[in-house]
């Protein structure tokens, strides 16, 4: 197994773990933080795979703008899911 395969496996495991944790969390602020980590991890995977343009878009939209909008929505609603 090459180092590239190990890195891919590590990032994919992190992505799956984040996705499962996001789905199970009741604290919406923590879910937004985990979503940002998920997005950043996906950005690393795109860079590693040789798609820097997609990685930059993922970083800007996924980890940046979306997180800000989600946090703004949380200020207008409740932090905990019922």
N, C-alpha and C. Protein backbone atom coordinates (compact mmCIF):
# COMPACT_ATOMS: atom_id res chain seq x y z
N UNK A 1 0.85 -1.18 0.00
CA UNK A 1 0.00 0.00 0.00
C UNK A 1 0.90 1.24 0.00
N UNK A 2 0.68 2.11 -0.97
CA UNK A 2 1.51 3.30 -1.12
C UNK A 2 1.08 4.39 -0.13
N UNK A 3 1.95 5.35 0.11
CA UNK A 3 1.57 6.47 0.99
C UNK A 3 0.35 7.24 0.49
N UNK A 4 0.18 7.32 -0.82
CA UNK A 4 -1.00 8.00 -1.37
C UNK A 4 -2.27 7.25 -1.00
N UNK A 5 -2.22 5.94 -1.06
CA UNK A 5 -3.40 5.14 -0.68
C UNK A 5 -3.72 5.29 0.80
N UNK A 6 -2.69 5.35 1.62
CA UNK A 6 -2.89 5.51 3.07
C UNK A 6 -3.53 6.87 3.35
N UNK A 7 -3.05 7.92 2.68
CA UNK A 7 -3.62 9.26 2.87
C UNK A 7 -5.08 9.28 2.44
N UNK A 8 -5.36 8.69 1.28
CA UNK A 8 -6.75 8.63 0.79
C UNK A 8 -7.64 7.90 1.78
N UNK A 9 -7.18 6.78 2.28
CA UNK A 9 -7.96 6.00 3.23
C UNK A 9 -8.20 6.77 4.52
N UNK A 10 -7.18 7.49 4.99
CA UNK A 10 -7.31 8.29 6.20
C UNK A 10 -8.34 9.41 6.02
N UNK A 11 -8.25 10.12 4.91
CA UNK A 11 -9.18 11.22 4.65
C UNK A 11 -10.60 10.68 4.47
N UNK A 12 -10.75 9.60 3.73
CA UNK A 12 -12.09 9.03 3.53
C UNK A 12 -12.70 8.53 4.84
N UNK A 13 -11.89 7.97 5.71
CA UNK A 13 -12.37 7.55 7.03
C UNK A 13 -12.82 8.77 7.84
N UNK A 14 -12.05 9.84 7.78
CA UNK A 14 -12.42 11.08 8.47
C UNK A 14 -13.73 11.64 7.92
N UNK A 15 -13.89 11.61 6.60
CA UNK A 15 -15.11 12.11 5.98
C UNK A 15 -16.34 11.30 6.41
N UNK A 16 -16.22 10.00 6.42
CA UNK A 16 -17.34 9.15 6.84
C UNK A 16 -17.65 9.36 8.31
N UNK A 17 -16.60 9.46 9.14
CA UNK A 17 -16.81 9.71 10.56
C UNK A 17 -17.50 11.05 10.82
N UNK A 18 -17.08 12.08 10.11
CA UNK A 18 -17.72 13.39 10.27
C UNK A 18 -19.18 13.35 9.82
N UNK A 19 -19.45 12.70 8.70
CA UNK A 19 -20.82 12.62 8.19
C UNK A 19 -21.73 11.89 9.18
N UNK A 20 -21.26 10.80 9.75
CA UNK A 20 -22.07 10.07 10.73
C UNK A 20 -22.28 10.89 12.00
N UNK A 21 -21.25 11.58 12.44
CA UNK A 21 -21.37 12.39 13.65
C UNK A 21 -22.33 13.56 13.43
N UNK A 22 -22.28 14.18 12.25
CA UNK A 22 -23.18 15.28 11.94
C UNK A 22 -24.63 14.82 11.99
N UNK A 23 -24.87 13.65 11.45
CA UNK A 23 -26.24 13.13 11.41
C UNK A 23 -26.78 12.81 12.79
N UNK A 24 -25.91 12.48 13.74
CA UNK A 24 -26.37 12.06 15.06
C UNK A 24 -26.40 13.17 16.10
N UNK A 25 -25.74 14.30 15.83
CA UNK A 25 -25.65 15.37 16.82
C UNK A 25 -26.98 16.08 17.03
N UNK A 26 -27.25 16.43 18.26
CA UNK A 26 -28.42 17.24 18.60
C UNK A 26 -28.05 18.71 18.74
N UNK A 27 -26.77 18.98 19.02
CA UNK A 27 -26.28 20.36 19.14
C UNK A 27 -25.94 20.87 17.74
N UNK A 28 -26.74 21.80 17.25
CA UNK A 28 -26.60 22.25 15.87
C UNK A 28 -25.33 23.06 15.64
N UNK A 29 -24.85 23.77 16.65
CA UNK A 29 -23.60 24.52 16.50
C UNK A 29 -22.43 23.56 16.32
N UNK A 30 -22.42 22.48 17.06
CA UNK A 30 -21.38 21.47 16.90
C UNK A 30 -21.47 20.81 15.53
N UNK A 31 -22.69 20.63 15.03
CA UNK A 31 -22.87 20.05 13.70
C UNK A 31 -22.31 20.98 12.62
N UNK A 32 -22.47 22.28 12.81
CA UNK A 32 -21.92 23.24 11.84
C UNK A 32 -20.39 23.19 11.86
N UNK A 33 -19.81 23.10 13.04
CA UNK A 33 -18.35 23.00 13.14
C UNK A 33 -17.86 21.72 12.47
N UNK A 34 -18.55 20.61 12.74
CA UNK A 34 -18.16 19.36 12.10
C UNK A 34 -18.35 19.41 10.59
N UNK A 35 -19.38 20.11 10.13
CA UNK A 35 -19.57 20.27 8.70
C UNK A 35 -18.41 21.05 8.08
N UNK A 36 -17.90 22.03 8.79
CA UNK A 36 -16.75 22.78 8.29
C UNK A 36 -15.50 21.89 8.23
N UNK A 37 -15.33 21.04 9.23
CA UNK A 37 -14.22 20.09 9.23
C UNK A 37 -14.37 19.11 8.06
N UNK A 38 -15.59 18.65 7.82
CA UNK A 38 -15.88 17.77 6.70
C UNK A 38 -15.51 18.45 5.38
N UNK A 39 -15.90 19.69 5.24
CA UNK A 39 -15.63 20.44 4.02
C UNK A 39 -14.14 20.65 3.82
N UNK A 40 -13.44 20.97 4.89
CA UNK A 40 -12.00 21.17 4.80
C UNK A 40 -11.28 19.87 4.46
N UNK A 41 -11.74 18.77 5.03
CA UNK A 41 -11.15 17.47 4.70
C UNK A 41 -11.37 17.12 3.24
N UNK A 42 -12.54 17.42 2.74
CA UNK A 42 -12.83 17.19 1.33
C UNK A 42 -11.94 18.08 0.46
N UNK A 43 -11.67 19.28 0.92
CA UNK A 43 -10.76 20.19 0.22
C UNK A 43 -9.36 19.57 0.14
N UNK A 44 -8.89 19.00 1.23
CA UNK A 44 -7.58 18.34 1.22
C UNK A 44 -7.55 17.17 0.24
N UNK A 45 -8.64 16.43 0.18
CA UNK A 45 -8.72 15.30 -0.74
C UNK A 45 -8.67 15.78 -2.19
N UNK A 46 -9.36 16.87 -2.51
CA UNK A 46 -9.33 17.41 -3.87
C UNK A 46 -7.94 17.89 -4.24
N UNK A 47 -7.24 18.54 -3.32
CA UNK A 47 -5.88 18.99 -3.60
C UNK A 47 -4.97 17.78 -3.83
N UNK A 48 -5.11 16.78 -3.01
CA UNK A 48 -4.28 15.58 -3.13
C UNK A 48 -4.55 14.86 -4.45
N UNK A 49 -5.77 14.91 -4.92
CA UNK A 49 -6.16 14.26 -6.16
C UNK A 49 -5.85 15.09 -7.40
N UNK A 50 -5.33 16.30 -7.21
CA UNK A 50 -4.90 17.10 -8.35
C UNK A 50 -5.96 18.01 -8.94
N UNK A 51 -6.91 18.43 -8.13
CA UNK A 51 -7.95 19.34 -8.59
C UNK A 51 -7.97 20.59 -7.70
N UNK A 52 -6.97 21.46 -7.84
CA UNK A 52 -6.89 22.63 -6.96
C UNK A 52 -8.03 23.62 -7.15
N UNK A 53 -8.58 23.69 -8.36
CA UNK A 53 -9.70 24.61 -8.58
C UNK A 53 -10.94 24.16 -7.83
N UNK A 54 -11.20 22.88 -7.83
CA UNK A 54 -12.33 22.34 -7.07
C UNK A 54 -12.09 22.49 -5.58
N UNK A 55 -10.84 22.30 -5.16
CA UNK A 55 -10.49 22.43 -3.74
C UNK A 55 -10.70 23.86 -3.25
N UNK A 56 -10.31 24.83 -4.06
CA UNK A 56 -10.50 26.23 -3.66
C UNK A 56 -11.98 26.58 -3.56
N UNK A 57 -12.77 26.07 -4.49
CA UNK A 57 -14.20 26.31 -4.44
C UNK A 57 -14.82 25.66 -3.22
N UNK A 58 -14.40 24.43 -2.92
CA UNK A 58 -14.91 23.73 -1.73
C UNK A 58 -14.54 24.48 -0.46
N UNK A 59 -13.32 24.99 -0.40
CA UNK A 59 -12.89 25.73 0.79
C UNK A 59 -13.68 27.02 0.95
N UNK A 60 -13.86 27.72 -0.15
CA UNK A 60 -14.57 29.01 -0.06
C UNK A 60 -16.04 28.83 0.22
N UNK A 61 -16.69 27.95 -0.49
CA UNK A 61 -18.13 27.78 -0.34
C UNK A 61 -18.47 26.85 0.82
N UNK A 62 -17.85 25.68 0.85
CA UNK A 62 -18.19 24.68 1.86
C UNK A 62 -17.78 25.06 3.26
N UNK A 63 -16.51 25.38 3.43
CA UNK A 63 -16.01 25.67 4.77
C UNK A 63 -16.19 27.13 5.15
N UNK A 64 -16.35 28.00 4.17
CA UNK A 64 -16.43 29.43 4.47
C UNK A 64 -17.83 29.97 4.51
N UNK A 65 -18.39 30.21 3.36
CA UNK A 65 -19.68 30.90 3.26
C UNK A 65 -20.81 30.09 3.90
N UNK A 66 -20.82 28.78 3.66
CA UNK A 66 -21.89 27.95 4.21
C UNK A 66 -21.86 27.95 5.73
N UNK A 67 -20.67 27.86 6.31
CA UNK A 67 -20.58 27.88 7.78
C UNK A 67 -21.08 29.21 8.34
N UNK A 68 -20.72 30.31 7.70
CA UNK A 68 -21.18 31.62 8.16
C UNK A 68 -22.71 31.71 8.08
N UNK A 69 -23.28 31.25 6.98
CA UNK A 69 -24.74 31.27 6.83
C UNK A 69 -25.43 30.37 7.85
N UNK A 70 -24.85 29.19 8.10
CA UNK A 70 -25.43 28.29 9.10
C UNK A 70 -25.38 28.91 10.49
N UNK A 71 -24.26 29.54 10.85
CA UNK A 71 -24.17 30.17 12.16
C UNK A 71 -25.15 31.34 12.27
N UNK A 72 -25.32 32.08 11.19
CA UNK A 72 -26.31 33.15 11.20
C UNK A 72 -27.72 32.59 11.40
N UNK A 73 -28.02 31.50 10.73
CA UNK A 73 -29.33 30.86 10.91
C UNK A 73 -29.51 30.37 12.34
N UNK A 74 -28.44 29.92 12.97
CA UNK A 74 -28.52 29.46 14.37
C UNK A 74 -28.81 30.62 15.32
N UNK A 75 -28.33 31.82 14.99
CA UNK A 75 -28.63 32.97 15.86
C UNK A 75 -30.10 33.33 15.75
N UNK A 76 -30.73 33.04 14.62
CA UNK A 76 -32.14 33.36 14.42
C UNK A 76 -33.07 32.26 14.92
N UNK A 77 -32.51 31.08 15.19
CA UNK A 77 -33.31 29.95 15.68
C UNK A 77 -32.68 29.43 16.97
N UNK A 78 -32.97 28.22 17.33
CA UNK A 78 -32.38 27.62 18.53
C UNK A 78 -31.13 26.83 18.23
N UNK A 79 -30.32 26.66 19.25
CA UNK A 79 -29.06 25.92 19.08
C UNK A 79 -29.26 24.42 19.15
N UNK A 80 -30.24 23.98 19.92
CA UNK A 80 -30.46 22.54 20.13
C UNK A 80 -31.66 22.06 19.35
N UNK A 81 -31.52 20.87 18.81
CA UNK A 81 -32.64 20.23 18.13
C UNK A 81 -33.53 19.57 19.17
N UNK A 82 -34.83 19.60 18.93
CA UNK A 82 -35.75 19.01 19.91
C UNK A 82 -36.04 17.57 19.59
